[in-house]
Amino acid sequence: MSQSKREQVVSHLRYIRQELREMHQGILEEGMLPESGEIRGVMAQMEALFELVEGKTVKKNKADAS
């Protein structure tokens, strides 16, 4: 993996970890589940990371399109 790609992966992972930490804290401290938009945002970041690592665009299934 090239250095630039590695840096992008690290950046994506840091962002995802931070978002998940914040969601976890909200669950523990407030007993509230995250909003669906927050979950979708993290999922989108994970998809972007996967595409970066795989080096190609991932096709979305029909459930994601609706």
N, C-alpha and C. Protein backbone atom coordinates (compact mmCIF):
# COMPACT_ATOMS: atom_id res chain seq x y z
N MET A 1 0.85 -1.17 0.00
CA MET A 1 0.00 0.00 0.00
C MET A 1 0.90 1.23 0.00
N SER A 2 0.61 2.17 -0.88
CA SER A 2 1.43 3.37 -0.96
C SER A 2 1.26 4.22 0.31
N GLN A 3 2.22 5.08 0.55
CA GLN A 3 2.18 5.92 1.76
C GLN A 3 0.96 6.82 1.76
N SER A 4 0.63 7.41 0.61
CA SER A 4 -0.53 8.29 0.52
C SER A 4 -1.82 7.53 0.83
N LYS A 5 -1.95 6.35 0.27
CA LYS A 5 -3.14 5.53 0.52
C LYS A 5 -3.20 5.14 1.99
N ARG A 6 -2.06 4.80 2.55
CA ARG A 6 -2.00 4.44 3.97
C ARG A 6 -2.46 5.61 4.84
N GLU A 7 -2.03 6.81 4.50
CA GLU A 7 -2.43 8.00 5.26
C GLU A 7 -3.93 8.24 5.15
N GLN A 8 -4.50 8.00 3.98
CA GLN A 8 -5.94 8.14 3.80
C GLN A 8 -6.69 7.12 4.64
N VAL A 9 -6.20 5.89 4.66
CA VAL A 9 -6.84 4.84 5.46
C VAL A 9 -6.79 5.21 6.94
N VAL A 10 -5.64 5.65 7.40
CA VAL A 10 -5.50 6.05 8.80
C VAL A 10 -6.46 7.19 9.13
N SER A 11 -6.57 8.15 8.23
CA SER A 11 -7.47 9.27 8.46
C SER A 11 -8.93 8.80 8.55
N HIS A 12 -9.34 7.94 7.64
CA HIS A 12 -10.70 7.40 7.67
C HIS A 12 -10.95 6.64 8.98
N LEU A 13 -9.99 5.81 9.37
CA LEU A 13 -10.15 5.02 10.59
C LEU A 13 -10.26 5.92 11.83
N ARG A 14 -9.47 6.96 11.88
CA ARG A 14 -9.54 7.89 13.02
C ARG A 14 -10.92 8.53 13.10
N TYR A 15 -11.43 8.96 11.96
CA TYR A 15 -12.75 9.59 11.93
C TYR A 15 -13.82 8.60 12.39
N ILE A 16 -13.78 7.39 11.86
CA ILE A 16 -14.78 6.37 12.22
C ILE A 16 -14.69 6.05 13.71
N ARG A 17 -13.50 5.87 14.22
CA ARG A 17 -13.33 5.58 15.64
C ARG A 17 -13.90 6.69 16.51
N GLN A 18 -13.64 7.94 16.14
CA GLN A 18 -14.15 9.07 16.91
C GLN A 18 -15.67 9.09 16.90
N GLU A 19 -16.26 8.90 15.73
CA GLU A 19 -17.72 8.89 15.63
C GLU A 19 -18.31 7.76 16.47
N LEU A 20 -17.71 6.58 16.42
CA LEU A 20 -18.22 5.45 17.19
C LEU A 20 -18.06 5.69 18.69
N ARG A 21 -16.95 6.32 19.10
CA ARG A 21 -16.76 6.66 20.52
C ARG A 21 -17.87 7.59 21.00
N GLU A 22 -18.17 8.61 20.19
CA GLU A 22 -19.21 9.56 20.56
C GLU A 22 -20.57 8.86 20.67
N MET A 23 -20.88 7.98 19.75
CA MET A 23 -22.14 7.23 19.82
C MET A 23 -22.18 6.37 21.08
N HIS A 24 -21.07 5.70 21.37
CA HIS A 24 -20.99 4.84 22.53
C HIS A 24 -21.18 5.63 23.82
N GLN A 25 -20.54 6.79 23.90
CA GLN A 25 -20.69 7.64 25.08
C GLN A 25 -22.15 8.07 25.25
N GLY A 26 -22.80 8.43 24.16
CA GLY A 26 -24.20 8.80 24.22
C GLY A 26 -25.08 7.68 24.74
N ILE A 27 -24.77 6.48 24.33
CA ILE A 27 -25.54 5.32 24.79
C ILE A 27 -25.29 5.10 26.28
N LEU A 28 -24.04 5.14 26.70
CA LEU A 28 -23.72 4.88 28.10
C LEU A 28 -24.23 5.98 29.03
N GLU A 29 -23.99 7.23 28.67
CA GLU A 29 -24.30 8.34 29.56
C GLU A 29 -25.77 8.74 29.53
N GLU A 30 -26.36 8.75 28.35
CA GLU A 30 -27.72 9.25 28.21
C GLU A 30 -28.74 8.16 27.95
N GLY A 31 -28.27 6.96 27.67
CA GLY A 31 -29.17 5.85 27.37
C GLY A 31 -29.93 6.04 26.07
N MET A 32 -29.40 6.89 25.20
CA MET A 32 -30.07 7.18 23.93
C MET A 32 -29.33 6.52 22.78
N LEU A 33 -30.09 5.93 21.88
CA LEU A 33 -29.49 5.38 20.68
C LEU A 33 -29.19 6.51 19.70
N PRO A 34 -28.16 6.34 18.88
CA PRO A 34 -27.84 7.38 17.90
C PRO A 34 -28.94 7.49 16.86
N GLU A 35 -29.04 8.66 16.24
CA GLU A 35 -30.01 8.87 15.18
C GLU A 35 -29.59 8.07 13.95
N SER A 36 -30.56 7.73 13.14
CA SER A 36 -30.27 6.92 11.96
C SER A 36 -29.31 7.64 11.02
N GLY A 37 -29.38 8.95 10.93
CA GLY A 37 -28.47 9.71 10.08
C GLY A 37 -27.03 9.58 10.52
N GLU A 38 -26.82 9.53 11.83
CA GLU A 38 -25.46 9.37 12.35
C GLU A 38 -24.91 7.99 11.97
N ILE A 39 -25.76 6.99 12.10
CA ILE A 39 -25.33 5.63 11.75
C ILE A 39 -25.05 5.54 10.26
N ARG A 40 -25.91 6.14 9.45
CA ARG A 40 -25.69 6.14 8.00
C ARG A 40 -24.37 6.84 7.65
N GLY A 41 -24.05 7.90 8.35
CA GLY A 41 -22.80 8.62 8.10
C GLY A 41 -21.58 7.76 8.37
N VAL A 42 -21.61 7.03 9.47
CA VAL A 42 -20.49 6.15 9.80
C VAL A 42 -20.42 5.01 8.78
N MET A 43 -21.57 4.48 8.40
CA MET A 43 -21.59 3.41 7.39
C MET A 43 -21.00 3.92 6.07
N ALA A 44 -21.33 5.14 5.69
CA ALA A 44 -20.78 5.72 4.46
C ALA A 44 -19.27 5.85 4.55
N GLN A 45 -18.78 6.26 5.72
CA GLN A 45 -17.34 6.35 5.91
C GLN A 45 -16.67 4.98 5.83
N MET A 46 -17.33 3.97 6.38
CA MET A 46 -16.78 2.62 6.30
C MET A 46 -16.77 2.12 4.85
N GLU A 47 -17.80 2.43 4.09
CA GLU A 47 -17.83 2.06 2.68
C GLU A 47 -16.72 2.77 1.91
N ALA A 48 -16.52 4.06 2.20
CA ALA A 48 -15.45 4.82 1.54
C ALA A 48 -14.09 4.21 1.87
N LEU A 49 -13.91 3.81 3.10
CA LEU A 49 -12.65 3.18 3.51
C LEU A 49 -12.46 1.86 2.78
N PHE A 50 -13.52 1.07 2.69
CA PHE A 50 -13.44 -0.21 1.99
C PHE A 50 -13.08 0.01 0.52
N GLU A 51 -13.72 0.99 -0.11
CA GLU A 51 -13.42 1.29 -1.52
C GLU A 51 -11.97 1.72 -1.68
N LEU A 52 -11.48 2.50 -0.74
CA LEU A 52 -10.09 2.95 -0.79
C LEU A 52 -9.14 1.77 -0.70
N VAL A 53 -9.42 0.86 0.22
CA VAL A 53 -8.56 -0.30 0.42
C VAL A 53 -8.64 -1.25 -0.77
N GLU A 54 -9.86 -1.47 -1.27
CA GLU A 54 -10.05 -2.39 -2.39
C GLU A 54 -9.62 -1.76 -3.72
N GLY A 55 -9.64 -0.45 -3.78
CA GLY A 55 -9.22 0.22 -5.00
C GLY A 55 -10.26 0.21 -6.10
N LYS A 56 -11.52 -0.01 -5.74
CA LYS A 56 -12.58 0.01 -6.74
C LYS A 56 -13.87 0.45 -6.08
N THR A 57 -14.85 0.81 -6.87
CA THR A 57 -16.14 1.24 -6.37
C THR A 57 -16.99 0.03 -6.02
N VAL A 58 -17.60 0.07 -4.87
CA VAL A 58 -18.45 -1.02 -4.43
C VAL A 58 -19.86 -0.75 -4.92
N LYS A 59 -20.47 -1.76 -5.55
CA LYS A 59 -21.86 -1.62 -6.01
C LYS A 59 -22.79 -1.65 -4.82
N LYS A 60 -23.78 -0.75 -4.82
CA LYS A 60 -24.75 -0.72 -3.75
C LYS A 60 -25.87 -1.70 -4.06
N ASN A 61 -26.37 -2.36 -3.01
CA ASN A 61 -27.48 -3.27 -3.24
C ASN A 61 -28.79 -2.51 -3.26
N LYS A 62 -29.87 -3.16 -3.62
CA LYS A 62 -31.17 -2.51 -3.76
C LYS A 62 -31.66 -1.90 -2.47
N ALA A 63 -31.36 -2.50 -1.34
CA ALA A 63 -31.82 -2.00 -0.04
C ALA A 63 -31.20 -0.64 0.26
N ASP A 64 -29.96 -0.42 -0.15
CA ASP A 64 -29.29 0.86 0.07
C ASP A 64 -29.84 1.95 -0.84
N ALA A 65 -30.32 1.55 -2.01
CA ALA A 65 -30.81 2.53 -2.98
C ALA A 65 -32.13 3.16 -2.56
N SER A 66 -32.90 2.45 -1.75
CA SER A 66 -34.21 3.00 -1.35
C SER A 66 -34.16 3.84 -0.11
